[in-house]
Protein backbone atom coordinates (compact mmCIF):
# COMPACT_ATOMS: atom_id res chain seq x y z
CA MET A 1 10.58 35.44 9.14
CA ALA A 2 10.90 31.98 7.62
CA HIS A 3 8.01 29.54 7.96
CA LEU A 4 8.08 25.76 7.73
CA TYR A 5 4.84 24.03 6.68
CA VAL A 6 4.03 20.37 7.20
CA ALA A 7 1.28 18.52 5.34
CA THR A 8 -0.15 15.55 7.22
CA ASN A 9 -2.25 12.49 6.49
CA GLY A 10 -5.20 13.30 8.73
CA LEU A 11 -4.10 16.25 10.90
CA SER A 12 -4.34 19.12 8.40
CA VAL A 13 -1.46 21.63 7.97
CA TRP A 14 1.02 22.57 10.68
CA ARG A 15 3.31 25.61 10.73
CA SER A 16 6.56 26.46 12.48
CA THR A 17 8.15 29.89 12.78
CA ASP A 18 11.30 28.52 14.45
CA LEU A 19 12.32 26.01 11.76
CA GLY A 20 10.65 23.02 13.40
CA LYS A 21 11.43 23.39 17.09
CA THR A 22 7.71 23.92 17.70
CA LEU A 23 4.71 23.26 15.45
CA ASP A 24 1.21 24.74 15.58
CA ARG A 25 -1.80 23.62 13.59
CA MET A 26 -2.89 26.30 11.14
CA SER A 27 -6.19 28.04 11.75
CA THR A 28 -9.30 26.23 10.50
CA GLY A 29 -11.00 29.57 9.75
CA THR A 30 -10.09 28.91 6.13
CA GLY A 31 -12.67 26.13 5.76
CA LEU A 32 -9.95 23.48 5.85
CA TYR A 33 -11.17 20.69 8.14
CA SER A 34 -8.72 20.10 10.99
CA GLY A 35 -8.68 16.36 10.21
CA SER A 36 -7.96 16.78 6.49
CA GLN A 37 -5.53 14.57 4.66
CA VAL A 38 -3.19 17.06 2.99
CA TRP A 39 -1.32 15.60 0.04
CA SER A 40 0.50 18.65 -1.29
CA LEU A 41 1.52 22.21 -0.44
CA ALA A 42 2.58 24.95 -2.86
CA LEU A 43 3.05 28.69 -2.81
CA HIS A 44 0.68 30.61 -5.06
CA PRO A 45 2.65 31.57 -8.20
CA SER A 46 1.81 35.28 -8.05
CA SER A 47 1.15 35.73 -4.31
CA PRO A 48 4.02 34.24 -2.26
CA ARG A 49 2.20 34.83 1.06
CA VAL A 50 -0.58 32.48 -0.03
CA LEU A 51 -0.16 28.75 0.53
CA LEU A 52 -2.25 26.27 -1.46
CA ALA A 53 -3.10 22.94 0.16
CA GLY A 54 -4.28 19.98 -1.90
CA THR A 55 -6.38 17.66 0.25
CA ASN A 56 -8.50 14.55 -0.08
CA THR A 57 -11.57 16.79 -0.56
CA ASP A 58 -10.46 20.01 -2.32
CA VAL A 59 -7.74 22.61 -2.80
CA TYR A 60 -7.61 25.28 -0.08
CA ARG A 61 -6.05 28.74 -0.05
CA LEU A 62 -4.28 29.53 3.22
CA ASP A 63 -3.31 33.21 3.65
CA GLN A 64 -0.15 33.30 5.76
CA ALA A 65 -0.66 36.97 6.72
CA ALA A 66 -4.13 36.26 8.13
CA SER A 67 -2.95 33.27 10.15
CA ASN A 68 -0.07 35.06 11.96
């Protein structure tokens, strides 16, 4: 299943499993504050199911399998 991820300036990271028809905010169980300014997203180079989010406060690891 393809996922679309959206970084926002103040609303954290959003995910879509239907290529953008609907969006859901990713779980905040990762320690990522739901109001974070997310400046960049990247897949982990050796773990493609792990998304890295660069924010105004830190870099966070978002495990896609755990947030399904």
